[in-house]
């Protein structure tokens, strides 16, 4: 890139960091995806009723606060540094999702009217369904595997929102949402593994199939 072009005049391209002539930093994508995947996996184990003991859901809270939350937000900030609008928005937002969910489960849910609490949960999930819908559209500028992550994540949020919004909450639908969440987690882990192995080995071991070929 010519040095006469001011960095602030260069537009960001979703999913493709631009070279601004700044010192290179490590790709934060594998870290953000790993944090998202692990926290999604643990929550989905409960939603799918693989482990149905509600008392054990407390194991999710520290994970959601520190790994899925704080670490993912850090990954989002580093994506801003790399001029990657898509990664910055995705990691920062879903990091905030996990922190908000942990706070909601720990401090808010128990204080809501028992007969209506499921509606609050459903509304929370519906809002994230809407956000994920346009992130799914934006993911078409990244890789096919990442688009698959967002497609299944959208289905996960939608199914969980529906299962919680009906009265009484439909546990079968919620369990389906849990299984979809497990698929989401494994796809995100795959993309994370692809990124870190490519960086460490210097070659592609796990393909992610970009929508557009690199020039």
Protein backbone atom coordinates (compact mmCIF):
# COMPACT_ATOMS: atom_id res chain seq x y z
CA UNK A 1 0.00 0.00 0.00
CA UNK A 2 1.42 3.39 -0.96
CA UNK A 3 2.68 5.44 1.92
CA UNK A 4 0.90 8.52 0.57
CA UNK A 5 -2.50 7.04 1.50
CA UNK A 6 -3.58 8.07 4.96
CA UNK A 7 -4.51 4.98 7.06
CA UNK A 8 -7.78 6.52 8.21
CA UNK A 9 -8.86 6.89 4.57
CA UNK A 10 -8.67 3.15 3.92
CA UNK A 11 -12.07 1.45 4.35
CA UNK A 12 -12.36 -1.72 6.37
CA UNK A 13 -13.34 -4.88 4.51
CA UNK A 14 -15.45 -7.40 6.43
CA UNK A 15 -13.50 -10.52 7.27
CA UNK A 16 -10.31 -9.31 5.58
CA UNK A 17 -7.86 -7.20 7.59
CA UNK A 18 -6.07 -4.48 5.64
CA UNK A 19 -2.33 -3.84 5.74
CA UNK A 20 -1.89 -0.34 7.11
CA UNK A 21 1.85 -0.47 7.34
CA UNK A 22 1.65 -1.01 11.11
CA UNK A 23 3.59 -3.69 12.96
CA UNK A 24 1.91 -7.06 12.52
CA UNK A 25 0.09 -8.68 15.42
CA UNK A 26 -1.02 -12.27 15.84
CA UNK A 27 -4.40 -13.25 14.44
CA UNK A 28 -6.93 -12.97 17.31
CA UNK A 29 -9.53 -15.02 15.40
CA UNK A 30 -8.57 -18.49 16.72
CA UNK A 31 -8.64 -17.17 20.31
CA UNK A 32 -12.06 -15.55 19.91
CA UNK A 33 -13.52 -18.64 18.25
CA UNK A 34 -12.08 -20.95 20.90
CA UNK A 35 -13.57 -18.84 23.69
CA UNK A 36 -16.93 -18.75 21.95
CA UNK A 37 -16.88 -22.48 21.20
CA UNK A 38 -16.04 -23.69 24.71
CA UNK A 39 -18.66 -21.55 26.44
CA UNK A 40 -21.29 -22.48 23.85
CA UNK A 41 -20.43 -26.14 24.34
CA UNK A 42 -20.92 -26.05 28.10
CA UNK A 43 -24.22 -24.15 27.91
CA UNK A 44 -25.49 -26.43 25.15
CA UNK A 45 -24.76 -29.54 27.22
CA UNK A 46 -27.35 -28.24 29.70
CA UNK A 47 -29.80 -27.05 27.03
CA UNK A 48 -29.65 -30.44 25.31
CA UNK A 49 -30.30 -32.10 28.68
CA UNK A 50 -27.17 -34.23 28.40
CA UNK A 51 -26.44 -33.10 31.94
CA UNK A 52 -29.75 -32.07 33.42
CA UNK A 53 -28.79 -31.15 36.98
CA UNK A 54 -29.63 -27.45 37.24
CA UNK A 55 -27.38 -27.02 40.26
CA UNK A 56 -24.39 -27.71 38.04
CA UNK A 57 -25.16 -24.79 35.70
CA UNK A 58 -23.01 -22.65 38.01
CA UNK A 59 -19.98 -24.05 36.18
CA UNK A 60 -21.05 -21.93 33.22
CA UNK A 61 -20.87 -18.59 35.04
CA UNK A 62 -17.09 -18.19 35.50
CA UNK A 63 -16.49 -19.56 32.03
CA UNK A 64 -18.98 -17.08 30.55
CA UNK A 65 -17.44 -14.17 32.46
CA UNK A 66 -13.76 -14.83 31.85
CA UNK A 67 -13.28 -16.93 28.72
CA UNK A 68 -16.41 -16.48 26.64
CA UNK A 69 -16.80 -12.92 27.90
CA UNK A 70 -13.60 -11.05 28.75
CA UNK A 71 -11.23 -12.98 26.50
CA UNK A 72 -13.59 -12.77 23.54
CA UNK A 73 -13.98 -9.02 24.00
CA UNK A 74 -10.18 -8.74 24.01
CA UNK A 75 -10.11 -10.67 20.74
CA UNK A 76 -12.62 -8.19 19.37
CA UNK A 77 -10.43 -5.26 20.39
CA UNK A 78 -7.46 -6.83 18.60
CA UNK A 79 -9.65 -7.31 15.52
CA UNK A 80 -10.26 -3.54 15.61
CA UNK A 81 -6.47 -3.16 15.67
CA UNK A 82 -6.25 -5.36 12.56
CA UNK A 83 -8.95 -3.29 10.82
CA UNK A 84 -11.28 -6.32 10.61
CA UNK A 85 -14.78 -4.90 11.08
CA UNK A 86 -16.53 -8.27 11.00
CA UNK A 87 -14.27 -9.93 13.57
CA UNK A 88 -14.30 -6.86 15.83
CA UNK A 89 -18.09 -6.67 15.90
CA UNK A 90 -18.60 -10.42 16.25
CA UNK A 91 -16.13 -11.09 19.07
CA UNK A 92 -16.93 -7.92 21.02
CA UNK A 93 -20.68 -8.51 20.78
CA UNK A 94 -20.71 -12.21 21.62
CA UNK A 95 -18.24 -11.58 24.43
CA UNK A 96 -20.74 -9.09 25.84
CA UNK A 97 -23.48 -11.69 25.30
CA UNK A 98 -21.75 -14.14 27.61
CA UNK A 99 -21.14 -11.55 30.32
CA UNK A 100 -24.77 -10.38 30.09
CA UNK A 101 -26.03 -13.98 30.21
CA UNK A 102 -23.93 -14.77 33.28
CA UNK A 103 -25.24 -11.66 35.04
CA UNK A 104 -28.80 -12.49 34.02
CA UNK A 105 -28.61 -16.06 35.29
CA UNK A 106 -26.89 -15.11 38.53
CA UNK A 107 -28.63 -11.90 39.57
CA UNK A 108 -31.81 -11.30 37.52
CA UNK A 109 -33.60 -14.54 36.65
CA UNK A 110 -34.40 -15.61 40.21
CA UNK A 111 -36.02 -12.23 40.94
CA UNK A 112 -38.45 -12.37 38.02
CA UNK A 113 -42.04 -13.62 38.43
CA UNK A 114 -41.78 -17.38 38.06
CA UNK A 115 -44.70 -17.58 35.63
CA UNK A 116 -43.23 -14.95 33.28
CA UNK A 117 -39.48 -15.47 33.59
CA UNK A 118 -39.35 -17.62 30.48
CA UNK A 119 -40.65 -14.68 28.44
CA UNK A 120 -37.72 -12.52 29.53
CA UNK A 121 -35.32 -15.29 28.58
CA UNK A 122 -37.04 -15.71 25.23
CA UNK A 123 -36.90 -11.97 24.51
CA UNK A 124 -33.20 -11.90 25.37
CA UNK A 125 -32.57 -14.77 22.94
CA UNK A 126 -34.78 -13.25 20.25
CA UNK A 127 -32.73 -10.04 20.28
CA UNK A 128 -29.57 -12.06 19.71
CA UNK A 129 -31.31 -13.99 16.95
CA UNK A 130 -31.87 -10.73 15.08
CA UNK A 131 -28.24 -9.68 15.53
CA UNK A 132 -26.99 -13.07 14.38
CA UNK A 133 -29.20 -12.88 11.27
CA UNK A 134 -27.31 -9.95 9.79
CA UNK A 135 -23.97 -11.27 10.99
CA UNK A 136 -24.82 -14.42 9.02
CA UNK A 137 -25.29 -12.24 5.94
CA UNK A 138 -21.98 -10.45 6.58
CA UNK A 139 -20.20 -13.79 7.04
CA UNK A 140 -20.57 -14.42 3.32
CA UNK A 141 -17.46 -12.27 2.98
CA UNK A 142 -15.38 -14.61 5.16
CA UNK A 143 -15.19 -18.42 4.82
CA UNK A 144 -17.72 -21.16 4.21
CA UNK A 145 -16.96 -22.78 7.55
CA UNK A 146 -17.49 -19.50 9.39
CA UNK A 147 -20.74 -18.98 7.50
CA UNK A 148 -21.78 -22.45 8.67
CA UNK A 149 -20.99 -21.38 12.25
CA UNK A 150 -23.29 -18.37 11.95
CA UNK A 151 -26.01 -20.31 10.12
CA UNK A 152 -26.24 -22.93 12.87
CA UNK A 153 -25.85 -20.26 15.57
CA UNK A 154 -28.80 -18.38 14.07
CA UNK A 155 -30.86 -21.58 14.14
CA UNK A 156 -29.74 -22.18 17.74
CA UNK A 157 -30.85 -18.75 18.95
CA UNK A 158 -34.12 -18.95 17.01
CA UNK A 159 -35.07 -22.38 18.33
CA UNK A 160 -34.13 -21.48 21.92
CA UNK A 161 -36.10 -18.22 21.66
CA UNK A 162 -39.18 -20.06 20.42
CA UNK A 163 -38.85 -22.73 23.10
CA UNK A 164 -38.69 -20.10 25.84
CA UNK A 165 -41.33 -17.68 24.53
CA UNK A 166 -44.18 -20.20 24.45
CA UNK A 167 -46.16 -20.84 27.62
CA UNK A 168 -45.20 -23.09 29.25
CA UNK A 169 -41.64 -23.29 27.88
CA UNK A 170 -41.30 -26.19 25.46
CA UNK A 171 -38.48 -28.32 26.82
CA UNK A 172 -38.31 -30.50 23.71
CA UNK A 173 -37.71 -27.45 21.52
CA UNK A 174 -35.11 -26.15 23.99
CA UNK A 175 -33.32 -29.51 23.86
CA UNK A 176 -33.21 -29.28 20.05
CA UNK A 177 -31.68 -25.82 20.47
CA UNK A 178 -29.09 -27.36 22.77
CA UNK A 179 -28.07 -29.91 20.14
CA UNK A 180 -27.82 -27.16 17.54
CA UNK A 181 -25.60 -25.26 19.97
CA UNK A 182 -23.29 -28.27 20.21
CA UNK A 183 -22.95 -28.30 16.41
CA UNK A 184 -22.19 -24.57 16.53
CA UNK A 185 -19.48 -25.14 19.15
CA UNK A 186 -17.73 -27.87 17.18
CA UNK A 187 -17.79 -25.83 13.96
CA UNK A 188 -16.28 -22.85 15.83
CA UNK A 189 -13.63 -25.09 17.38
CA UNK A 190 -12.80 -26.43 13.90
CA UNK A 191 -12.29 -22.91 12.53
CA UNK A 192 -10.18 -22.00 15.57
CA UNK A 193 -8.06 -25.13 15.10
CA UNK A 194 -7.65 -24.32 11.41
CA UNK A 195 -6.35 -20.86 12.24
CA UNK A 196 -3.87 -21.86 14.92
CA UNK A 197 -2.50 -24.85 13.01
CA UNK A 198 -2.01 -22.75 9.88
CA UNK A 199 -0.14 -20.14 11.91
CA UNK A 200 2.08 -22.64 13.72
CA UNK A 201 2.75 -25.03 10.83
CA UNK A 202 2.97 -22.48 8.05
CA UNK A 203 0.60 -24.46 5.85
CA UNK A 204 -3.07 -25.30 5.63
CA UNK A 205 -3.91 -28.42 7.60
CA UNK A 206 -7.64 -27.84 8.10
CA UNK A 207 -9.31 -26.00 5.18
CA UNK A 208 -11.96 -23.36 5.88
CA UNK A 209 -12.90 -22.68 2.24
CA UNK A 210 -12.92 -18.89 1.71
CA UNK A 211 -15.85 -17.57 -0.31
CA UNK A 212 -13.44 -15.48 -2.37
CA UNK A 213 -10.01 -16.56 -3.49
CA UNK A 214 -7.17 -14.47 -2.11
CA UNK A 215 -5.56 -12.27 -4.76
